[in-house]
Amino acid sequence: MSGRAHLAVILARGLGTRMRRDHDETELDAAQQAAAKHGRKAMMPVAGGRPFLDYILSSLADAGLTQVCLVVAPDHEAMRDHFARHPTHRVTLDYAVQPEPTGTADAVLAAEAWTAGRDFIVLNGDNLYPVDALRALADLDEPGLVAFDRDTLIRDGNIAPERIQTFALLDVGPDGLLRQLVEKPDEAEFARLGGGSRGVSMNVWRFDRAIFQACRDVGVSSRGERELPQAVALAVSRGMRCRVLPIAAGVLDLSGRGDVGEVSHRLAGVEPST
């Protein structure tokens, strides 16, 4: 048993392809347009002008995850400058550079040395997860992931039903352990797995050191990337236990420009404390 996790790795390296290619800028101010142009989703100003990343860090602190590693691109001066001007007090920040955007499995590998063999949480830099979900993972004491209830995601988050149907579904055994991840299921698989009734993955995980070998060994996906869900599937096939935590809660998603207005509206009046 590993005990409670206190480390979190935020995957903030992505290219922000959807944010870049969406040309609807009518609802964005100048600072938001600049962030969108460069695909800097984590640094997108929302609500009162604070970057989305500040809200993520505040939620991690509330969940007791106080040591944070940001996986970033070599060019991440904007992020460093922000935290030089606005130092964090509730979390400590470190950086791990992922030289090329070669996938989320490679992004996790970039943080391997930083974890120093300790258990850690991994989360996306463009999703704001509920504190209860983060705390449950931190308390889990073994590898696992959160299975979000599909209907609650639609009702309480900002993700349209047609987008959720493209997310990975989870095949969970009667013992509550993950058996299989089904990425972008077709209609037959969607029906076989209960249409998301068994939970939807939103890419928030708890890992131990076993995940790193799977991240090294996983093949390249059809998108030309080494992806974390496939690495998890490989690790499970090799015997890694992965506990599934069902949670009915919403997630705020900042994938594209069209999400900025709704996310800002949902966070209005919320003051992040980092």
C-alpha atoms as a PDB file:
ATOM      1  CA  MET A   1       0.000   0.000   0.000  1.00  0.00           C
ATOM      2  CA  SER A   2       1.274   3.436  -0.940  1.00  0.00           C
ATOM      3  CA  GLY A   3      -0.693   5.776   1.312  1.00  0.00           C
ATOM      4  CA  ARG A   4      -2.245   9.074   0.396  1.00  0.00           C
ATOM      5  CA  ALA A   5      -0.920  10.812  -2.700  1.00  0.00           C
ATOM      6  CA  HIS A   6       0.218  14.432  -2.468  1.00  0.00           C
ATOM      7  CA  LEU A   7       1.692  14.840  -5.980  1.00  0.00           C
ATOM      8  CA  ALA A   8      -0.140  15.992  -9.092  1.00  0.00           C
ATOM      9  CA  VAL A   9       1.100  16.126 -12.688  1.00  0.00           C
ATOM     10  CA  ILE A  10      -0.779  18.546 -14.963  1.00  0.00           C
ATOM     11  CA  LEU A  11      -0.507  17.848 -18.695  1.00  0.00           C
ATOM     12  CA  ALA A  12      -0.189  21.378 -20.060  1.00  0.00           C
ATOM     13  CA  ARG A  13       2.004  20.693 -23.111  1.00  0.00           C
ATOM     14  CA  GLY A  14      -0.654  20.096 -25.802  1.00  0.00           C
ATOM     15  CA  LEU A  15      -0.737  22.059 -29.032  1.00  0.00           C
ATOM     16  CA  GLY A  16      -4.285  23.299 -28.434  1.00  0.00           C
ATOM     17  CA  THR A  17      -5.174  22.338 -32.009  1.00  0.00           C
ATOM     18  CA  ARG A  18      -8.910  22.761 -31.564  1.00  0.00           C
ATOM     19  CA  MET A  19      -8.428  26.093 -29.804  1.00  0.00           C
ATOM     20  CA  ARG A  20      -6.255  27.315 -32.691  1.00  0.00           C
ATOM     21  CA  ARG A  21      -8.418  26.175 -35.571  1.00  0.00           C
ATOM     22  CA  ASP A  22     -11.715  27.504 -34.188  1.00  0.00           C
ATOM     23  CA  HIS A  23     -11.905  30.975 -35.760  1.00  0.00           C
ATOM     24  CA  ASP A  24     -14.953  32.255 -33.896  1.00  0.00           C
ATOM     25  CA  GLU A  25     -13.427  35.085 -31.851  1.00  0.00           C
ATOM     26  CA  THR A  26     -16.556  37.153 -31.330  1.00  0.00           C
ATOM     27  CA  GLU A  27     -16.843  36.320 -27.634  1.00  0.00           C
ATOM     28  CA  LEU A  28     -13.134  36.657 -26.789  1.00  0.00           C
ATOM     29  CA  ASP A  29     -11.327  39.737 -25.541  1.00  0.00           C
ATOM     30  CA  ALA A  30      -7.815  40.604 -26.717  1.00  0.00           C
ATOM     31  CA  ALA A  31      -6.032  38.594 -24.004  1.00  0.00           C
ATOM     32  CA  GLN A  32      -8.233  35.564 -24.663  1.00  0.00           C
ATOM     33  CA  GLN A  33      -7.687  35.821 -28.409  1.00  0.00           C
ATOM     34  CA  ALA A  34      -3.920  35.866 -27.858  1.00  0.00           C
ATOM     35  CA  ALA A  35      -4.088  32.735 -25.676  1.00  0.00           C
ATOM     36  CA  ALA A  36      -6.313  30.991 -28.219  1.00  0.00           C
ATOM     37  CA  LYS A  37      -4.016  31.923 -31.121  1.00  0.00           C
ATOM     38  CA  HIS A  38      -1.098  30.172 -29.416  1.00  0.00           C
ATOM     39  CA  GLY A  39      -3.180  27.234 -28.134  1.00  0.00           C
ATOM     40  CA  ARG A  40      -2.381  28.087 -24.497  1.00  0.00           C
ATOM     41  CA  LYS A  41      -5.505  26.593 -22.973  1.00  0.00           C
ATOM     42  CA  ALA A  42      -4.195  26.385 -19.409  1.00  0.00           C
ATOM     43  CA  MET A  43      -3.278  30.083 -19.532  1.00  0.00           C
ATOM     44  CA  MET A  44      -6.596  31.206 -21.034  1.00  0.00           C
ATOM     45  CA  PRO A  45      -7.956  34.164 -18.984  1.00  0.00           C
ATOM     46  CA  VAL A  46     -11.450  33.341 -17.728  1.00  0.00           C
ATOM     47  CA  ALA A  47     -14.016  34.922 -15.423  1.00  0.00           C
ATOM     48  CA  GLY A  48     -12.211  37.852 -13.771  1.00  0.00           C
ATOM     49  CA  GLY A  49      -9.081  37.499 -15.911  1.00  0.00           C
ATOM     50  CA  ARG A  50      -7.292  34.783 -13.936  1.00  0.00           C
ATOM     51  CA  PRO A  51      -5.862  31.968 -16.092  1.00  0.00           C
ATOM     52  CA  PHE A  52      -7.767  28.693 -16.112  1.00  0.00           C
ATOM     53  CA  LEU A  53      -4.704  27.024 -14.584  1.00  0.00           C
ATOM     54  CA  ASP A  54      -5.169  29.015 -11.371  1.00  0.00           C
ATOM     55  CA  TYR A  55      -8.547  27.384 -10.843  1.00  0.00           C
ATOM     56  CA  ILE A  56      -7.037  23.932 -11.411  1.00  0.00           C
ATOM     57  CA  LEU A  57      -4.291  24.617  -8.869  1.00  0.00           C
ATOM     58  CA  SER A  58      -6.842  25.919  -6.371  1.00  0.00           C
ATOM     59  CA  SER A  59      -8.872  22.706  -6.708  1.00  0.00           C
ATOM     60  CA  LEU A  60      -5.752  20.583  -6.239  1.00  0.00           C
ATOM     61  CA  ALA A  61      -4.890  22.490  -3.078  1.00  0.00           C
ATOM     62  CA  ASP A  62      -8.435  22.004  -1.768  1.00  0.00           C
ATOM     63  CA  ALA A  63      -7.993  18.253  -2.377  1.00  0.00           C
ATOM     64  CA  GLY A  64      -4.705  18.186  -0.458  1.00  0.00           C
ATOM     65  CA  LEU A  65      -2.524  17.755  -3.543  1.00  0.00           C
ATOM     66  CA  THR A  66       0.125  20.322  -2.706  1.00  0.00           C
ATOM     67  CA  GLN A  67       3.111  19.341  -4.881  1.00  0.00           C
ATOM     68  CA  VAL A  68       2.474  20.012  -8.559  1.00  0.00           C
ATOM     69  CA  CYS A  69       4.504  19.394 -11.700  1.00  0.00           C
ATOM     70  CA  LEU A  70       3.491  21.206 -14.877  1.00  0.00           C
ATOM     71  CA  VAL A  71       4.427  19.319 -18.053  1.00  0.00           C
ATOM     72  CA  VAL A  72       5.122  22.102 -20.521  1.00  0.00           C
ATOM     73  CA  ALA A  73       6.592  22.928 -23.908  1.00  0.00           C
ATOM     74  CA  PRO A  74      10.130  24.293 -24.165  1.00  0.00           C
ATOM     75  CA  ASP A  75       8.556  27.704 -24.845  1.00  0.00           C
ATOM     76  CA  HIS A  76       6.602  28.254 -21.616  1.00  0.00           C
ATOM     77  CA  GLU A  77       7.795  31.681 -20.539  1.00  0.00           C
ATOM     78  CA  ALA A  78       4.238  33.026 -20.293  1.00  0.00           C
ATOM     79  CA  MET A  79       3.465  30.458 -17.614  1.00  0.00           C
ATOM     80  CA  ARG A  80       6.671  31.069 -15.672  1.00  0.00           C
ATOM     81  CA  ASP A  81       6.161  34.837 -15.902  1.00  0.00           C
ATOM     82  CA  HIS A  82       2.643  34.544 -14.514  1.00  0.00           C
ATOM     83  CA  PHE A  83       3.777  32.609 -11.450  1.00  0.00           C
ATOM     84  CA  ALA A  84       6.754  34.912 -10.948  1.00  0.00           C
ATOM     85  CA  ARG A  85       4.264  37.795 -10.699  1.00  0.00           C
ATOM     86  CA  HIS A  86       1.705  35.763  -8.737  1.00  0.00           C
ATOM     87  CA  PRO A  87       3.564  33.211  -6.575  1.00  0.00           C
ATOM     88  CA  THR A  88       1.596  30.266  -5.255  1.00  0.00           C
ATOM     89  CA  HIS A  89       1.230  29.807  -1.495  1.00  0.00           C
ATOM     90  CA  ARG A  90      -0.837  26.638  -1.164  1.00  0.00           C
ATOM     91  CA  VAL A  91       1.004  24.499  -3.739  1.00  0.00           C
ATOM     92  CA  THR A  92       4.628  24.177  -4.805  1.00  0.00           C
ATOM     93  CA  LEU A  93       5.286  24.255  -8.543  1.00  0.00           C
ATOM     94  CA  ASP A  94       7.908  22.496 -10.637  1.00  0.00           C
ATOM     95  CA  TYR A  95       8.222  22.127 -14.395  1.00  0.00           C
ATOM     96  CA  ALA A  96       8.986  19.164 -16.636  1.00  0.00           C
ATOM     97  CA  VAL A  97       9.631  19.889 -20.302  1.00  0.00           C
ATOM     98  CA  GLN A  98       8.188  17.638 -22.995  1.00  0.00           C
ATOM     99  CA  PRO A  99      10.315  18.606 -26.019  1.00  0.00           C
ATOM    100  CA  GLU A 100       7.789  17.579 -28.681  1.00  0.00           C
ATOM    101  CA  PRO A 101       3.990  17.120 -28.558  1.00  0.00           C
ATOM    102  CA  THR A 102       4.260  13.358 -29.045  1.00  0.00           C
ATOM    103  CA  GLY A 103       1.299  12.377 -26.867  1.00  0.00           C
ATOM    104  CA  THR A 104       0.068  12.161 -23.323  1.00  0.00           C
ATOM    105  CA  ALA A 105       1.992   8.962 -22.512  1.00  0.00           C
ATOM    106  CA  ASP A 106       5.228  10.767 -23.377  1.00  0.00           C
ATOM    107  CA  ALA A 107       4.037  13.739 -21.317  1.00  0.00           C
ATOM    108  CA  VAL A 108       3.727  11.496 -18.258  1.00  0.00           C
ATOM    109  CA  LEU A 109       7.233  10.141 -18.929  1.00  0.00           C
ATOM    110  CA  ALA A 110       8.544  13.711 -18.836  1.00  0.00           C
ATOM    111  CA  ALA A 111       7.573  13.846 -15.146  1.00  0.00           C
ATOM    112  CA  GLU A 112       9.064  10.469 -14.189  1.00  0.00           C
ATOM    113  CA  ALA A 113      12.170  11.831 -12.476  1.00  0.00           C
ATOM    114  CA  TRP A 114      10.094  14.403 -10.597  1.00  0.00           C
ATOM    115  CA  THR A 115       7.818  11.740  -9.067  1.00  0.00           C
ATOM    116  CA  ALA A 116      10.868   9.951  -7.572  1.00  0.00           C
ATOM    117  CA  GLY A 117       8.996   6.669  -7.278  1.00  0.00           C
ATOM    118  CA  ARG A 118       6.030   8.165  -5.413  1.00  0.00           C
ATOM    119  CA  ASP A 119       2.369   7.761  -6.358  1.00  0.00           C
ATOM    120  CA  PHE A 120       0.865  10.706  -8.200  1.00  0.00           C
ATOM    121  CA  ILE A 121      -2.292  12.073  -9.807  1.00  0.00           C
ATOM    122  CA  VAL A 122      -2.383  12.952 -13.517  1.00  0.00           C
ATOM    123  CA  LEU A 123      -4.894  15.412 -14.954  1.00  0.00           C
ATOM    124  CA  ASN A 124      -5.483  17.471 -18.072  1.00  0.00           C
ATOM    125  CA  GLY A 125      -4.566  21.155 -18.157  1.00  0.00           C
ATOM    126  CA  ASP A 126      -7.810  22.029 -19.952  1.00  0.00           C
ATOM    127  CA  ASN A 127     -10.279  20.400 -17.536  1.00  0.00           C
ATOM    128  CA  LEU A 128     -11.449  21.624 -14.140  1.00  0.00           C
ATOM    129  CA  TYR A 129     -12.346  18.546 -12.113  1.00  0.00           C
ATOM    130  CA  PRO A 130     -14.454  18.516  -8.931  1.00  0.00           C
ATOM    131  CA  VAL A 131     -12.480  18.577  -5.692  1.00  0.00           C
ATOM    132  CA  ASP A 132     -14.268  15.446  -4.452  1.00  0.00           C
ATOM    133  CA  ALA A 133     -12.991  13.480  -7.439  1.00  0.00           C
ATOM    134  CA  LEU A 134      -9.411  14.642  -6.905  1.00  0.00           C
ATOM    135  CA  ARG A 135      -9.585  13.924  -3.175  1.00  0.00           C
ATOM    136  CA  ALA A 136     -10.999  10.433  -3.792  1.00  0.00           C
ATOM    137  CA  LEU A 137      -8.105   9.598  -6.096  1.00  0.00           C
ATOM    138  CA  ALA A 138      -5.574  10.966  -3.632  1.00  0.00           C
ATOM    139  CA  ASP A 139      -7.066   8.769  -0.898  1.00  0.00           C
ATOM    140  CA  LEU A 140      -7.322   5.649  -3.082  1.00  0.00           C
ATOM    141  CA  ASP A 141      -4.020   3.979  -2.092  1.00  0.00           C
ATOM    142  CA  GLU A 142      -3.639   2.185  -5.458  1.00  0.00           C
ATOM    143  CA  PRO A 143      -3.775   3.046  -9.181  1.00  0.00           C
ATOM    144  CA  GLY A 144      -7.173   4.101 -10.421  1.00  0.00           C
ATOM    145  CA  LEU A 145      -9.310   6.539 -12.360  1.00  0.00           C
ATOM    146  CA  VAL A 146     -12.586   8.381 -12.016  1.00  0.00           C
ATOM    147  CA  ALA A 147     -15.611   7.162 -13.959  1.00  0.00           C
ATOM    148  CA  PHE A 148     -17.896  10.142 -14.477  1.00  0.00           C
ATOM    149  CA  ASP A 149     -21.603   9.567 -14.862  1.00  0.00           C
ATOM    150  CA  ARG A 150     -22.498  10.561 -18.424  1.00  0.00           C
ATOM    151  CA  ASP A 151     -25.847  12.208 -17.661  1.00  0.00           C
ATOM    152  CA  THR A 152     -24.367  14.265 -14.824  1.00  0.00           C
ATOM    153  CA  LEU A 153     -21.500  15.408 -17.042  1.00  0.00           C
ATOM    154  CA  ILE A 154     -24.051  16.700 -19.533  1.00  0.00           C
ATOM    155  CA  ARG A 155     -26.260  18.319 -16.893  1.00  0.00           C
ATOM    156  CA  ASP A 156     -23.631  19.842 -14.601  1.00  0.00           C
ATOM    157  CA  GLY A 157     -20.677  20.395 -16.945  1.00  0.00           C
ATOM    158  CA  ASN A 158     -20.336  22.243 -20.237  1.00  0.00           C
ATOM    159  CA  ILE A 159     -19.849  19.275 -22.569  1.00  0.00           C
ATOM    160  CA  ALA A 160     -22.442  18.590 -25.258  1.00  0.00           C
ATOM    161  CA  PRO A 161     -23.883  15.043 -25.496  1.00  0.00           C
ATOM    162  CA  GLU A 162     -22.427  14.488 -28.958  1.00  0.00           C
ATOM    163  CA  ARG A 163     -18.930  15.194 -27.661  1.00  0.00           C
ATOM    164  CA  ILE A 164     -19.296  12.918 -24.654  1.00  0.00           C
ATOM    165  CA  GLN A 165     -20.230  10.035 -26.944  1.00  0.00           C
ATOM    166  CA  THR A 166     -16.735  10.268 -28.457  1.00  0.00           C
ATOM    167  CA  PHE A 167     -14.998   9.907 -25.066  1.00  0.00           C
ATOM    168  CA  ALA A 168     -13.550   6.645 -23.769  1.00  0.00           C
ATOM    169  CA  LEU A 169     -16.015   4.283 -22.126  1.00  0.00           C
ATOM    170  CA  LEU A 170     -14.980   1.937 -19.335  1.00  0.00           C
ATOM    171  CA  ASP A 171     -15.468  -1.805 -19.124  1.00  0.00           C
ATOM    172  CA  VAL A 172     -15.434  -2.478 -15.382  1.00  0.00           C
ATOM    173  CA  GLY A 173     -15.408  -5.875 -13.726  1.00  0.00           C
ATOM    174  CA  PRO A 174     -17.660  -6.873 -10.815  1.00  0.00           C
ATOM    175  CA  ASP A 175     -14.673  -6.281  -8.520  1.00  0.00           C
ATOM    176  CA  GLY A 176     -14.612  -2.600  -9.491  1.00  0.00           C
ATOM    177  CA  LEU A 177     -11.381  -2.933 -11.467  1.00  0.00           C
ATOM    178  CA  LEU A 178     -10.856  -1.674 -14.994  1.00  0.00           C
ATOM    179  CA  ARG A 179     -10.903  -4.400 -17.632  1.00  0.00           C
ATOM    180  CA  GLN A 180     -10.810  -2.326 -20.798  1.00  0.00           C
ATOM    181  CA  LEU A 181     -10.863   1.233 -22.112  1.00  0.00           C
ATOM    182  CA  VAL A 182     -12.820   1.732 -25.316  1.00  0.00           C
ATOM    183  CA  GLU A 183     -11.715   4.905 -27.106  1.00  0.00           C
ATOM    184  CA  LYS A 184     -14.220   6.588 -29.449  1.00  0.00           C
ATOM    185  CA  PRO A 185     -16.645   3.639 -29.366  1.00  0.00           C
ATOM    186  CA  ASP A 186     -18.782   2.855 -32.401  1.00  0.00           C
ATOM    187  CA  GLU A 187     -22.538   2.452 -31.951  1.00  0.00           C
ATOM    188  CA  ALA A 188     -22.309  -1.278 -31.236  1.00  0.00           C
ATOM    189  CA  GLU A 189     -19.655  -0.867 -28.546  1.00  0.00           C
ATOM    190  CA  PHE A 190     -21.462   2.133 -27.112  1.00  0.00           C
ATOM    191  CA  ALA A 191     -24.577  -0.015 -26.689  1.00  0.00           C
ATOM    192  CA  ARG A 192     -22.607  -3.015 -25.352  1.00  0.00           C
ATOM    193  CA  LEU A 193     -21.068  -0.880 -22.631  1.00  0.00           C
ATOM    194  CA  GLY A 194     -24.395   0.568 -21.589  1.00  0.00           C
ATOM    195  CA  GLY A 195     -24.144   3.874 -23.450  1.00  0.00           C
ATOM    196  CA  GLY A 196     -21.850   5.328 -20.839  1.00  0.00           C
ATOM    197  CA  SER A 197     -23.883   4.063 -17.883  1.00  0.00           C
ATOM    198  CA  ARG A 198     -20.727   2.407 -16.533  1.00  0.00           C
ATOM    199  CA  GLY A 199     -18.855   5.648 -16.606  1.00  0.00           C
ATOM    200  CA  VAL A 200     -16.912   7.953 -18.885  1.00  0.00           C
ATOM    201  CA  SER A 201     -13.191   8.636 -18.553  1.00  0.00           C
ATOM    202  CA  MET A 202     -12.188  12.298 -18.411  1.00  0.00           C
ATOM    203  CA  ASN A 203      -8.469  11.500 -18.146  1.00  0.00           C
ATOM    204  CA  VAL A 204      -7.866  11.993 -14.452  1.00  0.00           C
ATOM    205  CA  TRP A 205      -5.848   9.155 -12.901  1.00  0.00           C
ATOM    206  CA  ARG A 206      -3.812   7.939  -9.969  1.00  0.00           C
ATOM    207  CA  PHE A 207      -0.632   5.997 -10.822  1.00  0.00           C
ATOM    208  CA  ASP A 208       2.347   4.355  -9.233  1.00  0.00           C
ATOM    209  CA  ARG A 209       5.712   3.830 -10.916  1.00  0.00           C
ATOM    210  CA  ALA A 210       4.420   0.853 -12.939  1.00  0.00           C
ATOM    211  CA  ILE A 211       2.804   3.197 -15.461  1.00  0.00           C
ATOM    212  CA  PHE A 212       6.143   4.460 -16.761  1.00  0.00           C
ATOM    213  CA  GLN A 213       7.191   1.202 -18.423  1.00  0.00           C
ATOM    214  CA  ALA A 214       3.813   0.981 -20.146  1.00  0.00           C
ATOM    215  CA  CYS A 215       4.243   4.586 -21.349  1.00  0.00           C
ATOM    216  CA  ARG A 216       7.612   3.615 -22.827  1.00  0.00           C
ATOM    217  CA  ASP A 217       6.277   0.476 -24.493  1.00  0.00           C
ATOM    218  CA  VAL A 218       2.927   1.657 -25.866  1.00  0.00           C
ATOM    219  CA  GLY A 219       2.681   1.932 -29.624  1.00  0.00           C
ATOM    220  CA  VAL A 220       1.896   4.991 -31.689  1.00  0.00           C
ATOM    221  CA  SER A 221      -1.817   5.624 -32.175  1.00  0.00           C
ATOM    222  CA  SER A 222      -3.627   6.417 -35.412  1.00  0.00           C
ATOM    223  CA  ARG A 223      -3.098  10.101 -34.539  1.00  0.00           C
ATOM    224  CA  GLY A 224       0.664   9.578 -34.537  1.00  0.00           C
ATOM    225  CA  GLU A 225       0.931   9.938 -30.748  1.00  0.00           C
ATOM    226  CA  ARG A 226       1.750   7.720 -27.778  1.00  0.00           C
ATOM    227  CA  GLU A 227      -1.412   8.133 -25.746  1.00  0.00           C
ATOM    228  CA  LEU A 228      -1.964   7.622 -22.040  1.00  0.00           C
ATOM    229  CA  PRO A 229      -5.259   5.650 -22.236  1.00  0.00           C
ATOM    230  CA  GLN A 230      -3.539   3.079 -24.460  1.00  0.00           C
ATOM    231  CA  ALA A 231      -0.626   2.924 -22.019  1.00  0.00           C
ATOM    232  CA  VAL A 232      -3.092   2.274 -19.188  1.00  0.00           C
ATOM    233  CA  ALA A 233      -4.741  -0.487 -21.240  1.00  0.00           C
ATOM    234  CA  LEU A 234      -1.301  -2.037 -21.812  1.00  0.00           C
ATOM    235  CA  ALA A 235      -0.470  -1.847 -18.102  1.00  0.00           C
ATOM    236  CA  VAL A 236      -3.818  -3.454 -17.199  1.00  0.00           C
ATOM    237  CA  SER A 237      -3.172  -6.257 -19.703  1.00  0.00           C
ATOM    238  CA  ARG A 238       0.133  -6.853 -17.895  1.00  0.00           C
ATOM    239  CA  GLY A 239      -1.588  -7.189 -14.557  1.00  0.00           C
ATOM    240  CA  MET A 240      -1.785  -3.666 -13.131  1.00  0.00           C
ATOM    241  CA  ARG A 241      -4.823  -3.214 -10.902  1.00  0.00           C
ATOM    242  CA  CYS A 242      -6.723  -0.040 -11.760  1.00  0.00           C
ATOM    243  CA  ARG A 243      -9.573   0.813  -9.414  1.00  0.00           C
ATOM    244  CA  VAL A 244     -12.568   2.610 -10.937  1.00  0.00           C
ATOM    245  CA  LEU A 245     -14.222   5.298  -8.810  1.00  0.00           C
ATOM    246  CA  PRO A 246     -17.744   6.152 -10.012  1.00  0.00           C
ATOM    247  CA  ILE A 247     -18.617   9.800  -9.412  1.00  0.00           C
ATOM    248  CA  ALA A 248     -21.669  11.826 -10.423  1.00  0.00           C
ATOM    249  CA  ALA A 249     -20.318  15.333 -10.975  1.00  0.00           C
ATOM    250  CA  GLY A 250     -19.678  17.851 -13.721  1.00  0.00           C
ATOM    251  CA  VAL A 251     -16.372  18.821 -15.324  1.00  0.00           C
ATOM    252  CA  LEU A 252     -15.583  22.160 -16.959  1.00  0.00           C
ATOM    253  CA  ASP A 253     -13.859  21.592 -20.285  1.00  0.00           C
ATOM    254  CA  LEU A 254     -11.815  24.284 -22.077  1.00  0.00           C
ATOM    255  CA  SER A 255     -10.975  22.521 -25.329  1.00  0.00           C
ATOM    256  CA  GLY A 256     -12.006  25.215 -27.812  1.00  0.00           C
ATOM    257  CA  ARG A 257     -12.789  28.899 -28.134  1.00  0.00           C
ATOM    258  CA  GLY A 258     -16.478  28.149 -27.933  1.00  0.00           C
ATOM    259  CA  ASP A 259     -15.973  26.895 -24.369  1.00  0.00           C
ATOM    260  CA  VAL A 260     -14.454  30.123 -23.028  1.00  0.00           C
ATOM    261  CA  GLY A 261     -17.691  32.042 -22.536  1.00  0.00           C
ATOM    262  CA  GLU A 262     -19.500  29.242 -20.702  1.00  0.00           C
ATOM    263  CA  VAL A 263     -16.499  28.421 -18.527  1.00  0.00           C
ATOM    264  CA  SER A 264     -16.117  32.103 -17.626  1.00  0.00           C
ATOM    265  CA  HIS A 265     -19.812  32.275 -16.761  1.00  0.00           C
ATOM    266  CA  ARG A 266     -19.585  29.182 -14.524  1.00  0.00           C
ATOM    267  CA  LEU A 267     -16.534  30.562 -12.714  1.00  0.00           C
ATOM    268  CA  ALA A 268     -17.828  34.103 -12.249  1.00  0.00           C
ATOM    269  CA  GLY A 269     -17.446  35.080  -8.622  1.00  0.00           C
ATOM    270  CA  VAL A 270     -15.095  32.194  -7.842  1.00  0.00           C
ATOM    271  CA  GLU A 271     -11.739  33.422  -6.516  1.00  0.00           C
ATOM    272  CA  PRO A 272      -9.032  30.772  -6.932  1.00  0.00           C
ATOM    273  CA  SER A 273      -6.571  30.382  -4.082  1.00  0.00           C
ATOM    274  CA  THR A 274      -3.271  28.930  -5.184  1.00  0.00           C
END
